[in-house]
Amino acid sequence: MTDNNILFIVGMPRSGTKLFRDLLNQHPEISIPEVETHFLPMFIKRYGLNFNFNSVNKDKLLKSFLNTTFYWNVKKNGLFTDEDFFLKYEDVKSWADFNYLIFSHFSSKTVNTKMIFGDKTPGYLNHIDLINKLHSNAKFIHIIRDPRDYCLSVKNIWNKSIYRACQNWQRSIGRSEKYNTELPNNYMEIKYEDLIQNTEETQKKICFFLKIPYRLEMTRLKKSAENYGAAKGTTKVLSNNSNKYFKKLSRKELKKIEELCFDQLTRLNYNLHYGTKLIRLNYFQDFYLKLYDFVNSLVFHTKEKGIITGIKYFISLHFQSSWRK
C-alpha cells in the first residue's frame, strides 16, 4: 500500500462528515472505519515523529493503542485485535505502517492493491501538516457546512454555545484555507449543502479527485448515517437539511454569528443577511463559554452512557481528542 491509497475526511463536527464517509464507503474501492481514530496527534506528541519502532517501543505503543477511545468503540462494535493483527504489527516500521494497519484491519472490506483506506476524524482538520509529514501523498477532503446551521446542530445535540461554535468554525476553516494552494492536488473542499442537494455531481467530482471510477451507489445509504438530529434513523440523503437557521435564530443572533464567521462566509460565497464585518469574542467571553461547553459535554456523555462510564469516557475523550492542539 502507498500514500496514494490513503484518504482523510476532515471538517467541523456536525458538518456531514459521517454522512459523507458512509456514502464514500458504498464505493467498492473505498474503506473507512466507522469509528474515528483521534489518537494520532496524541501519539506523535507522546512518542515523537521519529519514533523508533523497535520491539520494546512497539509494546508500549500497542498498550497505548488498546487504551484509546477508538479501540473502546470498535470493541463495542464487535471488532477486536486478533492473531492476524499481531502478526502484521510485527512488521510495522513507521507511523505510516501503523496507520495502514489500523485502517485496514478495522475495515469491513478485503484488502487489495486498488483499495483506498482512510479515516474520518473531523479534528484532523487542525493536524493536516502533521499527517502530511507521515503520508506525503495522502488525500484530504474537507467538508464545510454553513456555520449558521452548524451552530444550531451543535446546540441541539450537545447544548453548546452557538457563538463559541461559530468562532471555532471561523478559526479552523481559516487555518485550513492555505491548503488550497499548498496541497492543490491532495486537498479538496466541498460544501455540505452541495453534497445533499447535488449528491451525484458532487460525488463525481470526488471520484475525479481520488482518481477512481464513479459509482452510482455513492449517492445512496444502506443504513442510517446519523444517531442524532434530523437525519437520525433515515437512509435518505435529506436534500432539505439546510437553511434551518431562518426559523431558529433571531436577527440579533444571526448578525453576531455572521460577523464571528465573516471572513470565511465571504470567501466561501455564503449569502450574508446582516453581518458587515469580522468580530471576535473577547478572552473572558471565550473562557466562560469554553467552561459552559465543557460542562454540557460532560452532562451529555453521562446521560448517554451512565454516570461512571460517561465520566470515564469523557475524561479519555478530552485528553485524546484530536481537537486538542
Protein backbone atom coordinates (compact mmCIF):
# COMPACT_ATOMS: atom_id res chain seq x y z
CA MET A 1 0.00 0.00 0.00
CA THR A 2 1.19 3.55 -0.73
CA ASP A 3 0.22 7.06 0.31
CA ASN A 4 -1.85 7.20 -2.89
CA ASN A 5 -4.23 4.82 -1.12
CA ILE A 6 -4.83 6.96 1.97
CA LEU A 7 -7.74 9.38 2.47
CA PHE A 8 -8.62 11.62 5.42
CA ILE A 9 -12.08 13.18 5.79
CA VAL A 10 -11.93 16.30 7.96
CA GLY A 11 -14.26 19.11 8.96
CA MET A 12 -16.02 20.67 11.89
CA PRO A 13 -18.26 18.30 13.91
CA ARG A 14 -21.94 18.24 12.86
CA SER A 15 -20.92 19.16 9.30
CA GLY A 16 -21.86 15.97 7.47
CA THR A 17 -18.55 14.10 7.79
CA LYS A 18 -20.34 10.92 8.90
CA LEU A 19 -22.83 11.07 6.03
CA PHE A 20 -20.00 11.72 3.59
CA ARG A 21 -17.95 8.80 4.95
CA ASP A 22 -20.88 6.39 4.68
CA LEU A 23 -21.64 7.47 1.12
CA LEU A 24 -18.00 7.01 0.12
CA ASN A 25 -17.98 3.58 1.75
CA GLN A 26 -20.60 2.45 -0.77
CA HIS A 27 -17.79 2.50 -3.36
CA PRO A 28 -16.14 -0.95 -3.60
CA GLU A 29 -12.66 0.63 -3.67
CA ILE A 30 -13.05 2.82 -0.55
CA SER A 31 -12.99 1.62 3.04
CA ILE A 32 -13.09 3.94 6.04
CA PRO A 33 -13.69 2.60 9.59
CA GLU A 34 -16.94 3.65 11.25
CA VAL A 35 -15.04 4.85 14.34
CA GLU A 36 -12.90 8.00 14.49
CA THR A 37 -9.28 7.38 15.47
CA HIS A 38 -8.40 10.69 17.23
CA PHE A 39 -5.21 9.23 18.72
CA LEU A 40 -2.66 10.11 16.03
CA PRO A 41 -1.67 13.64 17.22
CA MET A 42 -1.61 12.40 20.82
CA PHE A 43 0.72 9.51 19.92
CA ILE A 44 3.05 11.75 17.91
CA LYS A 45 3.24 14.17 20.83
CA ARG A 46 3.89 11.34 23.29
CA TYR A 47 6.33 9.24 21.27
CA GLY A 48 7.75 11.67 18.71
CA LEU A 49 7.61 11.98 14.95
CA ASN A 50 10.79 9.90 14.60
CA PHE A 51 9.67 7.13 16.95
CA ASN A 52 11.95 4.07 16.92
CA PHE A 53 9.70 1.12 16.13
CA ASN A 54 11.84 -1.48 17.88
CA SER A 55 10.15 -4.31 19.80
CA VAL A 56 10.28 -2.62 23.23
CA ASN A 57 8.84 0.67 21.99
CA LYS A 58 6.21 -1.12 19.91
CA ASP A 59 4.98 -2.89 23.05
CA LYS A 60 4.45 0.49 24.72
CA LEU A 61 2.65 1.84 21.67
CA LEU A 62 0.40 -1.21 21.49
CA LYS A 63 -0.61 -0.82 25.15
CA SER A 64 -1.43 2.82 24.49
CA PHE A 65 -3.48 1.89 21.44
CA LEU A 66 -5.51 -0.66 23.38
CA ASN A 67 -6.48 2.12 25.81
CA THR A 68 -7.75 4.57 23.20
CA THR A 69 -11.38 5.61 22.79
CA PHE A 70 -11.05 4.31 19.22
CA TYR A 71 -10.38 0.77 20.41
CA TRP A 72 -13.05 1.12 23.11
CA ASN A 73 -15.57 1.93 20.38
CA VAL A 74 -14.53 -0.69 17.82
CA LYS A 75 -14.73 -3.36 20.53
CA LYS A 76 -18.25 -2.16 21.28
CA ASN A 77 -18.96 -2.68 17.57
CA GLY A 78 -17.65 -6.26 17.77
CA LEU A 79 -14.18 -5.69 16.25
CA PHE A 80 -11.02 -6.80 18.05
CA THR A 81 -7.32 -7.25 17.63
CA ASP A 82 -6.60 -10.88 16.71
CA GLU A 83 -3.71 -13.13 15.69
CA ASP A 84 -3.65 -11.64 12.19
CA PHE A 85 -3.40 -8.13 13.65
CA PHE A 86 -0.47 -9.04 15.91
CA LEU A 87 1.39 -10.81 13.10
CA LYS A 88 1.09 -7.75 10.88
CA TYR A 89 2.00 -5.47 13.80
CA GLU A 90 5.39 -7.17 13.98
CA ASP A 91 6.18 -5.76 10.52
CA VAL A 92 5.26 -2.16 11.42
CA LYS A 93 8.31 0.08 10.98
CA SER A 94 6.82 3.59 10.74
CA TRP A 95 3.82 5.70 11.64
CA ALA A 96 2.56 5.23 8.10
CA ASP A 97 2.74 1.43 8.52
CA PHE A 98 0.93 1.73 11.84
CA ASN A 99 -1.89 3.78 10.32
CA TYR A 100 -2.25 1.41 7.36
CA LEU A 101 -2.63 -1.49 9.77
CA ILE A 102 -5.30 0.25 11.83
CA PHE A 103 -7.30 1.47 8.82
CA SER A 104 -7.19 -1.89 7.02
CA HIS A 105 -7.65 -4.23 10.00
CA PHE A 106 -10.76 -2.44 11.23
CA SER A 107 -12.15 -2.20 7.73
CA SER A 108 -15.20 -4.15 6.62
CA LYS A 109 -13.67 -4.83 3.20
CA THR A 110 -10.98 -7.12 1.86
CA VAL A 111 -7.55 -5.58 1.36
CA ASN A 112 -6.38 -5.26 -2.25
CA THR A 113 -3.95 -3.04 -4.15
CA LYS A 114 -6.70 -0.77 -5.50
CA MET A 115 -8.39 -0.16 -2.16
CA ILE A 116 -8.35 3.35 -0.70
CA PHE A 117 -8.20 3.14 3.08
CA GLY A 118 -8.61 6.09 5.36
CA ASP A 119 -10.06 7.78 8.36
CA LYS A 120 -12.90 10.13 9.23
CA THR A 121 -11.79 12.15 12.23
CA PRO A 122 -13.06 15.74 11.91
CA GLY A 123 -10.44 17.13 14.32
CA TYR A 124 -7.59 16.17 11.99
CA LEU A 125 -8.57 19.39 10.24
CA ASN A 126 -6.13 21.04 12.66
CA HIS A 127 -3.36 18.49 12.03
CA ILE A 128 -3.09 18.32 8.24
CA ASP A 129 0.55 19.48 8.32
CA LEU A 130 1.43 16.69 10.75
CA ILE A 131 -0.42 13.99 8.80
CA ASN A 132 1.15 15.17 5.56
CA LYS A 133 4.59 14.51 7.10
CA LEU A 134 3.55 10.91 7.77
CA HIS A 135 1.73 10.36 4.47
CA SER A 136 3.29 12.65 1.88
CA ASN A 137 0.73 11.92 -0.83
CA ALA A 138 -2.39 11.34 1.26
CA LYS A 139 -5.64 12.95 0.13
CA PHE A 140 -7.66 15.29 2.37
CA ILE A 141 -11.33 16.09 1.78
CA HIS A 142 -12.66 18.90 3.92
CA ILE A 143 -16.44 19.09 4.17
CA ILE A 144 -17.77 22.50 5.18
CA ARG A 145 -21.26 23.35 6.45
CA ASP A 146 -22.94 26.74 6.66
CA PRO A 147 -21.93 27.91 10.17
CA ARG A 148 -25.44 29.13 10.94
CA ASP A 149 -26.82 25.60 10.55
CA TYR A 150 -23.66 24.11 12.04
CA CYS A 151 -24.01 26.07 15.29
CA LEU A 152 -27.70 25.12 15.57
CA SER A 153 -26.80 21.44 15.30
CA VAL A 154 -24.05 21.81 17.93
CA LYS A 155 -26.55 23.46 20.28
CA ASN A 156 -29.32 20.93 19.63
CA ILE A 157 -27.14 17.87 20.20
CA TRP A 158 -24.68 18.95 22.90
CA ASN A 159 -26.28 22.18 24.18
CA LYS A 160 -23.08 24.07 23.41
CA SER A 161 -22.74 27.81 22.77
CA ILE A 162 -23.67 28.91 19.25
CA TYR A 163 -21.22 31.82 19.47
CA ARG A 164 -18.18 29.83 20.53
CA ALA A 165 -19.07 27.20 17.93
CA CYS A 166 -19.03 29.82 15.21
CA GLN A 167 -15.81 31.43 16.37
CA ASN A 168 -14.18 27.99 16.32
CA TRP A 169 -15.63 27.45 12.82
CA GLN A 170 -14.06 30.71 11.59
CA ARG A 171 -10.67 29.85 13.10
CA SER A 172 -10.49 26.26 11.85
CA ILE A 173 -11.81 26.98 8.37
CA GLY A 174 -9.43 29.94 8.17
CA ARG A 175 -6.39 27.86 9.15
CA SER A 176 -7.17 25.26 6.50
CA GLU A 177 -7.65 27.75 3.65
CA LYS A 178 -3.92 27.67 2.86
CA TYR A 179 -4.07 24.03 1.74
CA ASN A 180 -5.92 25.03 -1.42
CA THR A 181 -2.60 26.41 -2.64
CA GLU A 182 -0.11 24.37 -0.57
CA LEU A 183 -1.65 20.97 -1.44
CA PRO A 184 -3.57 21.70 -4.64
CA ASN A 185 -3.60 18.09 -5.83
CA ASN A 186 -4.22 16.47 -2.45
CA TYR A 187 -6.63 18.80 -0.64
CA MET A 188 -10.25 19.46 -1.62
CA GLU A 189 -13.06 21.47 -0.03
CA ILE A 190 -16.70 20.55 -0.58
CA LYS A 191 -19.83 22.09 0.91
CA TYR A 192 -22.31 20.01 2.88
CA GLU A 193 -25.11 21.80 1.05
CA ASP A 194 -23.72 20.65 -2.32
CA LEU A 195 -23.42 17.08 -1.04
CA ILE A 196 -27.08 16.84 0.00
CA GLN A 197 -28.58 18.90 -2.83
CA ASN A 198 -26.39 17.75 -5.74
CA THR A 199 -25.16 14.39 -4.49
CA GLU A 200 -24.35 12.77 -7.83
CA GLU A 201 -22.50 15.76 -9.25
CA THR A 202 -20.51 16.20 -6.02
CA GLN A 203 -19.54 12.52 -5.86
CA LYS A 204 -18.36 12.60 -9.48
CA LYS A 205 -16.02 15.45 -8.53
CA ILE A 206 -14.79 13.40 -5.57
CA CYS A 207 -14.07 10.40 -7.78
CA PHE A 208 -12.12 12.57 -10.21
CA PHE A 209 -10.09 13.92 -7.27
CA LEU A 210 -9.44 10.38 -5.98
CA LYS A 211 -8.79 9.03 -9.49
CA ILE A 212 -11.34 6.23 -9.22
CA PRO A 213 -14.38 5.44 -11.39
CA TYR A 214 -17.69 6.94 -10.30
CA ARG A 215 -20.29 4.52 -8.90
CA LEU A 216 -23.99 5.29 -8.56
CA GLU A 217 -24.03 3.51 -5.18
CA MET A 218 -22.17 6.51 -3.74
CA THR A 219 -25.41 8.53 -3.76
CA ARG A 220 -27.34 6.13 -1.51
CA LEU A 221 -27.09 4.83 2.03
CA LYS A 222 -27.58 1.22 3.09
CA LYS A 223 -28.17 2.25 6.68
CA SER A 224 -28.68 5.46 8.60
CA ALA A 225 -25.55 7.59 8.94
CA GLU A 226 -26.84 9.56 11.92
CA ASN A 227 -27.55 8.85 15.58
CA TYR A 228 -28.77 12.40 16.29
CA GLY A 229 -30.58 15.28 14.62
CA ALA A 230 -32.99 15.48 11.70
CA ALA A 231 -31.30 12.66 9.77
CA LYS A 232 -31.46 10.17 12.67
CA GLY A 233 -32.68 6.78 11.53
CA THR A 234 -33.12 7.63 7.85
CA THR A 235 -31.26 6.12 4.91
CA LYS A 236 -32.18 9.04 2.66
CA VAL A 237 -29.89 11.94 1.87
CA LEU A 238 -32.02 14.82 3.13
CA SER A 239 -31.70 17.46 0.44
CA ASN A 240 -33.68 19.96 2.54
CA ASN A 241 -31.47 19.68 5.65
CA SER A 242 -30.14 23.24 5.35
CA ASN A 243 -31.12 26.88 5.95
CA LYS A 244 -32.89 25.96 9.18
CA TYR A 245 -31.39 28.98 10.83
CA PHE A 246 -34.03 31.21 9.19
CA LYS A 247 -36.65 29.85 11.59
CA LYS A 248 -34.46 29.07 14.58
CA LEU A 249 -32.27 32.15 15.01
CA SER A 250 -33.22 35.75 15.78
CA ARG A 251 -31.94 38.65 13.69
CA LYS A 252 -29.61 39.62 16.55
CA GLU A 253 -28.19 36.08 16.77
CA LEU A 254 -27.76 35.87 13.01
CA LYS A 255 -25.90 39.16 12.85
CA LYS A 256 -23.46 38.14 15.58
CA ILE A 257 -22.88 34.70 14.07
CA GLU A 258 -22.29 36.13 10.60
CA GLU A 259 -19.79 38.61 11.98
CA LEU A 260 -17.97 35.95 14.02
CA CYS A 261 -17.62 33.99 10.75
CA PHE A 262 -17.47 36.94 8.37
CA ASP A 263 -14.16 36.27 6.59
CA GLN A 264 -14.82 32.63 5.73
CA LEU A 265 -18.51 33.10 4.98
CA THR A 266 -17.43 35.66 2.39
CA ARG A 267 -14.63 33.51 0.96
CA LEU A 268 -16.94 30.52 0.57
CA ASN A 269 -19.68 32.61 -1.07
CA TYR A 270 -22.34 32.01 1.56
CA ASN A 271 -25.05 34.68 1.49
CA LEU A 272 -24.83 37.24 4.30
CA HIS A 273 -28.05 38.68 5.71
CA TYR A 274 -26.92 41.08 8.45
CA GLY A 275 -23.16 40.73 9.01
CA THR A 276 -20.91 43.57 7.83
CA LYS A 277 -17.51 42.93 9.46
CA LEU A 278 -15.43 40.39 11.36
CA ILE A 279 -15.70 40.38 15.17
CA ARG A 280 -14.23 38.12 17.84
CA LEU A 281 -15.24 37.03 21.32
CA ASN A 282 -13.01 38.61 23.92
CA TYR A 283 -10.86 36.50 26.24
CA PHE A 284 -13.38 36.45 29.11
CA GLN A 285 -16.33 35.61 26.85
CA ASP A 286 -14.38 32.79 25.24
CA PHE A 287 -13.22 31.42 28.61
CA TYR A 288 -16.73 31.46 30.07
CA LEU A 289 -18.25 29.77 27.00
CA LYS A 290 -15.45 27.19 26.95
CA LEU A 291 -16.35 26.26 30.53
CA TYR A 292 -20.03 26.23 29.61
CA ASP A 293 -19.34 23.84 26.72
CA PHE A 294 -17.14 21.63 28.92
CA VAL A 295 -19.92 21.15 31.49
CA ASN A 296 -22.62 20.48 28.90
CA SER A 297 -20.44 17.98 27.07
CA LEU A 298 -19.89 16.10 30.33
CA VAL A 299 -23.64 16.12 31.03
CA PHE A 300 -24.30 14.75 27.53
CA HIS A 301 -21.95 11.78 27.95
CA THR A 302 -23.18 10.88 31.45
CA LYS A 303 -26.80 10.93 30.26
CA GLU A 304 -25.95 8.81 27.24
CA LYS A 305 -23.62 6.27 28.90
CA GLY A 306 -24.39 6.44 32.62
CA ILE A 307 -22.52 8.41 35.28
CA ILE A 308 -19.42 6.25 35.83
CA THR A 309 -18.91 5.14 32.23
CA GLY A 310 -19.81 8.58 30.94
CA ILE A 311 -17.25 10.33 33.16
CA LYS A 312 -14.50 7.83 32.26
CA TYR A 313 -15.28 8.15 28.57
CA PHE A 314 -15.43 11.94 28.77
CA ILE A 315 -12.04 12.14 30.50
CA SER A 316 -10.46 9.80 27.95
CA LEU A 317 -12.04 11.68 25.06
CA HIS A 318 -10.94 15.03 26.47
CA PHE A 319 -7.28 14.03 26.71
CA GLN A 320 -7.21 12.01 23.50
CA SER A 321 -9.31 14.35 21.36
CA SER A 322 -7.78 15.41 18.07
CA TRP A 323 -9.22 18.89 18.65
CA ARG A 324 -6.58 19.45 21.31
CA LYS A 325 -3.62 21.41 19.95
